[in-house]
N, C-alpha and C. Protein backbone atom coordinates (compact mmCIF):
# COMPACT_ATOMS: atom_id res chain seq x y z
N MET A 1 -7.63 -170.23 95.67
CA MET A 1 -9.44 -169.80 95.76
C MET A 1 -10.34 -170.23 95.40
N SER A 2 -11.01 -170.01 95.88
CA SER A 2 -12.77 -170.66 95.97
C SER A 2 -13.65 -171.14 95.15
N PRO A 3 -14.31 -172.10 94.71
CA PRO A 3 -15.12 -172.10 93.45
C PRO A 3 -15.68 -170.81 92.98
N GLN A 4 -16.72 -170.37 94.51
CA GLN A 4 -17.55 -169.14 94.41
C GLN A 4 -16.46 -167.76 93.75
N ARG A 5 -15.56 -168.38 94.37
CA ARG A 5 -15.17 -166.51 94.69
C ARG A 5 -14.16 -166.50 93.02
N ALA A 6 -14.04 -168.34 92.12
CA ALA A 6 -13.42 -168.17 90.72
C ALA A 6 -14.53 -167.85 89.72
N LYS A 7 -15.65 -168.23 90.43
CA LYS A 7 -17.28 -168.03 89.37
C LYS A 7 -17.23 -167.01 89.01
N ARG A 8 -17.19 -165.62 90.61
CA ARG A 8 -17.45 -164.33 90.91
C ARG A 8 -16.54 -163.70 89.93
N SER A 9 -14.85 -164.05 89.71
CA SER A 9 -14.32 -162.95 89.31
C SER A 9 -14.12 -163.58 87.69
N LYS A 10 -15.16 -164.79 86.99
CA LYS A 10 -14.78 -165.02 85.57
C LYS A 10 -16.27 -164.26 85.04
N ALA A 11 -17.42 -163.85 86.36
CA ALA A 11 -18.33 -163.04 85.82
C ALA A 11 -18.26 -161.65 85.64
N ASP A 12 -17.54 -161.48 86.75
CA ASP A 12 -16.77 -159.84 86.40
C ASP A 12 -15.81 -159.32 85.10
N GLN A 13 -15.35 -160.58 84.67
CA GLN A 13 -14.40 -160.44 83.56
C GLN A 13 -15.64 -160.18 82.47
N GLN A 14 -16.51 -160.98 82.32
CA GLN A 14 -17.31 -160.86 81.21
C GLN A 14 -17.65 -159.42 81.24
N VAL A 15 -18.37 -159.00 82.52
CA VAL A 15 -19.29 -157.92 82.83
C VAL A 15 -17.64 -156.61 81.95
N GLY A 16 -16.73 -156.56 82.32
CA GLY A 16 -15.87 -155.93 82.29
C GLY A 16 -15.42 -156.06 80.71
N LEU A 17 -15.31 -157.13 80.10
CA LEU A 17 -15.28 -157.43 78.54
C LEU A 17 -15.92 -156.55 77.48
N SER A 18 -17.80 -156.82 77.85
CA SER A 18 -18.07 -156.48 77.35
C SER A 18 -18.74 -154.46 77.47
N ASP A 19 -18.55 -154.54 78.93
CA ASP A 19 -18.01 -152.50 78.67
C ASP A 19 -17.20 -152.47 77.65
N LEU A 20 -15.82 -152.89 78.10
CA LEU A 20 -15.17 -152.51 77.33
C LEU A 20 -15.19 -152.66 76.00
N GLU A 21 -15.95 -153.42 75.18
CA GLU A 21 -16.30 -153.70 73.85
C GLU A 21 -17.00 -152.51 73.56
N THR A 22 -18.01 -152.22 74.06
CA THR A 22 -19.40 -151.13 74.17
C THR A 22 -19.01 -150.13 73.65
N ARG A 23 -17.67 -149.53 74.92
CA ARG A 23 -16.83 -147.96 74.61
C ARG A 23 -16.11 -148.45 73.73
N LEU A 24 -15.43 -149.19 73.00
CA LEU A 24 -14.61 -149.42 71.92
C LEU A 24 -15.54 -148.98 70.72
N ALA A 25 -16.66 -149.52 70.63
CA ALA A 25 -17.70 -149.05 69.08
C ALA A 25 -17.90 -148.05 69.33
N ARG A 26 -18.47 -147.33 70.56
CA ARG A 26 -18.71 -145.43 70.48
C ARG A 26 -17.27 -145.05 69.93
N VAL A 27 -16.06 -145.59 70.54
CA VAL A 27 -15.05 -144.65 70.25
C VAL A 27 -14.50 -144.97 68.66
N LEU A 28 -14.49 -146.50 68.22
CA LEU A 28 -13.61 -146.21 67.40
C LEU A 28 -14.64 -146.31 66.22
N GLN A 29 -14.38 -145.59 65.08
CA GLN A 29 -14.92 -145.81 63.57
C GLN A 29 -14.34 -146.15 62.75
N PRO A 30 -14.87 -146.73 61.56
CA PRO A 30 -14.37 -147.38 60.40
C PRO A 30 -13.48 -146.27 59.65
N VAL A 31 -12.69 -146.45 59.30
CA VAL A 31 -11.87 -145.58 58.11
C VAL A 31 -11.63 -146.18 56.93
N ARG A 32 -11.98 -145.07 55.92
CA ARG A 32 -12.24 -145.87 54.99
C ARG A 32 -10.75 -144.84 54.11
N PRO A 33 -10.03 -145.82 53.48
CA PRO A 33 -8.69 -144.95 52.59
C PRO A 33 -9.00 -144.66 51.79
N PRO A 34 -7.72 -143.26 51.38
CA PRO A 34 -7.91 -142.78 50.14
C PRO A 34 -8.75 -143.74 48.82
N ALA A 35 -9.28 -142.77 47.91
CA ALA A 35 -9.20 -143.34 46.74
C ALA A 35 -8.40 -143.75 45.97
N ASP A 36 -7.46 -142.81 45.96
CA ASP A 36 -6.23 -143.11 45.09
C ASP A 36 -5.00 -144.23 45.34
N LEU A 37 -5.22 -144.87 46.77
CA LEU A 37 -4.56 -145.73 47.30
C LEU A 37 -5.31 -146.93 47.03
N ALA A 38 -6.60 -146.80 47.21
CA ALA A 38 -7.13 -148.26 46.89
C ALA A 38 -6.84 -148.43 45.40
N GLN A 39 -6.71 -147.73 44.35
CA GLN A 39 -6.86 -148.20 42.86
C GLN A 39 -5.57 -147.72 43.04
N ARG A 40 -4.32 -147.44 43.69
CA ARG A 40 -3.17 -148.21 43.49
C ARG A 40 -2.70 -149.39 43.70
N LEU A 41 -3.41 -150.49 44.60
CA LEU A 41 -3.47 -151.38 45.25
C LEU A 41 -3.93 -152.80 44.44
N ARG A 42 -5.16 -151.67 43.74
CA ARG A 42 -5.73 -152.75 43.18
C ARG A 42 -5.39 -153.12 41.46
N GLU A 43 -3.89 -151.71 41.12
CA GLU A 43 -3.53 -151.97 40.17
C GLU A 43 -2.18 -153.07 40.46
N ARG A 44 -1.68 -152.47 41.55
CA ARG A 44 -1.03 -153.56 41.94
C ARG A 44 -1.08 -155.50 42.19
N ILE A 45 -2.11 -155.25 42.92
CA ILE A 45 -2.37 -156.73 42.72
C ILE A 45 -3.62 -157.24 41.69
N SER A 46 -2.75 -158.04 40.72
CA SER A 46 -3.28 -158.41 39.62
C SER A 46 -3.45 -160.02 39.65
N LEU A 47 -4.48 -160.79 39.21
CA LEU A 47 -5.02 -161.82 38.94
C LEU A 47 -4.49 -162.35 37.71
N PRO A 48 -3.65 -163.48 38.00
CA PRO A 48 -3.47 -163.94 36.50
C PRO A 48 -4.71 -164.16 35.59
N PRO A 49 -4.31 -164.04 34.01
CA PRO A 49 -5.41 -164.48 33.29
C PRO A 49 -6.12 -166.09 33.44
N ARG A 50 -7.45 -165.66 33.17
CA ARG A 50 -8.59 -166.88 33.99
C ARG A 50 -7.40 -168.26 33.21
N ARG A 51 -6.59 -168.22 31.60
CA ARG A 51 -6.25 -169.36 30.91
C ARG A 51 -5.24 -170.51 31.84
N LEU A 52 -3.97 -169.14 32.57
CA LEU A 52 -3.62 -169.37 33.43
C LEU A 52 -3.78 -170.21 34.56
N MET A 53 -4.80 -169.32 35.15
CA MET A 53 -5.32 -170.79 36.80
C MET A 53 -5.90 -171.29 36.10
N THR A 54 -6.16 -171.64 34.86
CA THR A 54 -7.23 -173.06 34.47
C THR A 54 -5.74 -174.13 33.77
N ARG A 55 -5.04 -173.52 33.74
CA ARG A 55 -3.81 -174.51 33.07
C ARG A 55 -3.11 -175.37 34.45
N ARG A 56 -2.44 -174.00 35.19
CA ARG A 56 -2.62 -174.50 36.56
C ARG A 56 -3.00 -175.29 37.92
N LEU A 57 -4.28 -175.22 37.60
CA LEU A 57 -5.27 -176.50 38.12
C LEU A 57 -5.29 -177.57 37.35
N VAL A 58 -5.20 -177.77 36.32
CA VAL A 58 -5.75 -179.12 35.47
C VAL A 58 -4.39 -179.53 35.80
N SER A 59 -3.26 -178.79 36.01
CA SER A 59 -1.92 -179.89 35.92
C SER A 59 -1.33 -180.01 37.12
N TRP A 60 -1.74 -181.67 37.66
CA TRP A 60 -1.56 -182.43 38.94
C TRP A 60 -0.14 -182.99 39.26
N LYS A 61 0.43 -182.84 38.13
CA LYS A 61 1.43 -183.36 38.76
C LYS A 61 2.89 -182.96 39.16
N PRO A 62 2.96 -181.30 39.12
CA PRO A 62 3.41 -180.68 40.24
C PRO A 62 2.85 -180.58 41.70
N PHE A 63 1.76 -180.67 42.02
CA PHE A 63 1.01 -180.50 42.74
C PHE A 63 1.49 -182.33 43.89
N PHE A 64 1.49 -183.51 42.89
CA PHE A 64 1.69 -185.13 43.30
C PHE A 64 3.16 -185.58 43.75
N LEU A 65 3.73 -184.05 43.30
CA LEU A 65 4.94 -184.49 43.40
C LEU A 65 5.84 -183.44 44.38
N VAL A 66 4.71 -182.41 44.97
CA VAL A 66 5.46 -181.58 45.98
C VAL A 66 5.20 -182.73 47.17
N VAL A 67 3.24 -183.20 47.18
CA VAL A 67 2.84 -184.10 47.95
C VAL A 67 3.66 -184.87 48.81
N GLY A 68 4.12 -185.69 47.48
CA GLY A 68 5.20 -186.94 47.79
C GLY A 68 6.88 -186.87 47.87
N GLY A 69 7.04 -185.67 47.52
CA GLY A 69 8.07 -185.40 48.33
C GLY A 69 8.29 -184.69 49.67
N THR A 70 7.41 -184.10 49.80
CA THR A 70 7.01 -183.79 51.42
C THR A 70 6.84 -185.31 52.30
N LEU A 71 5.76 -185.95 52.16
CA LEU A 71 5.70 -187.04 53.03
C LEU A 71 6.41 -187.96 52.85
N SER A 72 7.81 -188.23 51.83
CA SER A 72 8.91 -189.07 52.05
C SER A 72 9.58 -188.26 52.57
N GLY A 73 10.30 -187.29 53.01
CA GLY A 73 10.97 -186.13 53.48
C GLY A 73 10.50 -186.62 55.16
N LEU A 74 8.71 -186.58 55.20
CA LEU A 74 8.61 -186.66 56.76
C LEU A 74 9.01 -188.40 57.48
N ALA A 75 8.72 -189.03 56.47
CA ALA A 75 9.03 -190.60 56.86
C ALA A 75 10.59 -191.02 57.19
N LEU A 76 11.74 -190.38 56.49
CA LEU A 76 12.53 -190.32 56.68
C LEU A 76 13.01 -189.54 57.88
N ILE A 77 12.69 -188.67 57.98
CA ILE A 77 13.04 -188.23 58.91
C ILE A 77 12.60 -189.01 60.32
N LEU A 78 11.19 -189.39 60.60
CA LEU A 78 10.54 -189.99 61.46
C LEU A 78 11.47 -191.00 61.78
N THR A 79 12.19 -191.82 60.67
CA THR A 79 12.49 -193.09 60.32
C THR A 79 13.67 -192.72 61.34
N VAL A 80 14.49 -191.74 60.78
CA VAL A 80 16.34 -191.36 61.25
C VAL A 80 15.71 -190.97 62.98
N ALA A 81 14.61 -190.46 63.83
CA ALA A 81 14.48 -189.89 64.84
C ALA A 81 14.20 -191.07 65.20
N ARG A 82 13.66 -191.96 65.07
CA ARG A 82 13.31 -193.33 65.56
C ARG A 82 14.05 -193.74 65.91
N ALA A 83 15.37 -194.27 64.97
CA ALA A 83 16.01 -194.75 65.04
C ALA A 83 17.70 -194.26 66.05
N LEU A 84 17.08 -193.02 65.90
CA LEU A 84 18.19 -192.62 67.66
C LEU A 84 17.86 -192.78 68.81
N TYR A 85 16.79 -192.51 68.56
CA TYR A 85 15.78 -192.87 69.99
C TYR A 85 16.27 -194.19 70.91
N TYR A 86 15.91 -195.52 69.83
CA TYR A 86 16.56 -196.06 69.84
C TYR A 86 17.86 -196.67 70.70
N LEU A 87 18.67 -196.35 69.58
CA LEU A 87 19.87 -196.34 69.59
C LEU A 87 20.65 -195.91 71.12
N PHE A 88 20.05 -194.78 71.73
CA PHE A 88 20.67 -194.16 72.40
C PHE A 88 19.36 -194.41 73.66
N TRP A 89 18.32 -194.88 73.54
CA TRP A 89 17.80 -195.58 74.90
C TRP A 89 18.42 -196.86 75.17
N ARG A 90 19.18 -197.79 74.30
CA ARG A 90 19.67 -198.83 74.71
C ARG A 90 20.76 -198.76 75.62
N HIS A 91 21.17 -197.48 75.34
CA HIS A 91 22.70 -197.36 75.48
C HIS A 91 22.40 -196.48 76.97
N LEU A 92 21.40 -195.77 77.19
CA LEU A 92 21.41 -195.11 78.62
C LEU A 92 20.81 -196.71 79.78
N HIS A 93 20.18 -197.58 78.89
CA HIS A 93 19.61 -198.30 79.76
C HIS A 93 20.82 -199.49 80.33
N ALA A 94 21.83 -199.47 79.27
CA ALA A 94 22.45 -200.53 79.29
C ALA A 94 23.88 -200.10 80.15
N ASP A 95 23.33 -198.80 80.46
CA ASP A 95 24.79 -198.17 81.49
C ASP A 95 24.43 -198.25 83.06
N GLN A 96 22.55 -198.03 82.79
CA GLN A 96 22.07 -198.38 84.14
C GLN A 96 22.39 -199.71 84.78
N ARG A 97 22.16 -201.09 83.91
CA ARG A 97 22.20 -202.01 84.11
C ARG A 97 23.29 -202.35 84.52
N ALA A 98 24.57 -202.01 84.53
CA ALA A 98 25.93 -202.36 85.08
C ALA A 98 26.67 -202.25 86.20
């Protein structure tokens, strides 16, 4: 495909997309949920009391345990993967030399 043709097709796609967006904006209208549905959702989704939220934010120990554990696990996985890679890499090259 020539560069000019690629540019034209890209321009045609842009025009097609803007035309599609215009049509969809005319056809699709916002829908408001029934009031009782919204009220039920508000009742089911509740925020914990402010005291509990601040206590969780102040407590940094669990956060550091999670981050430390994740980083330690990642380091272990990388170390094992590197060891296996070098072990099999040497094994493959040793077979080719022989």
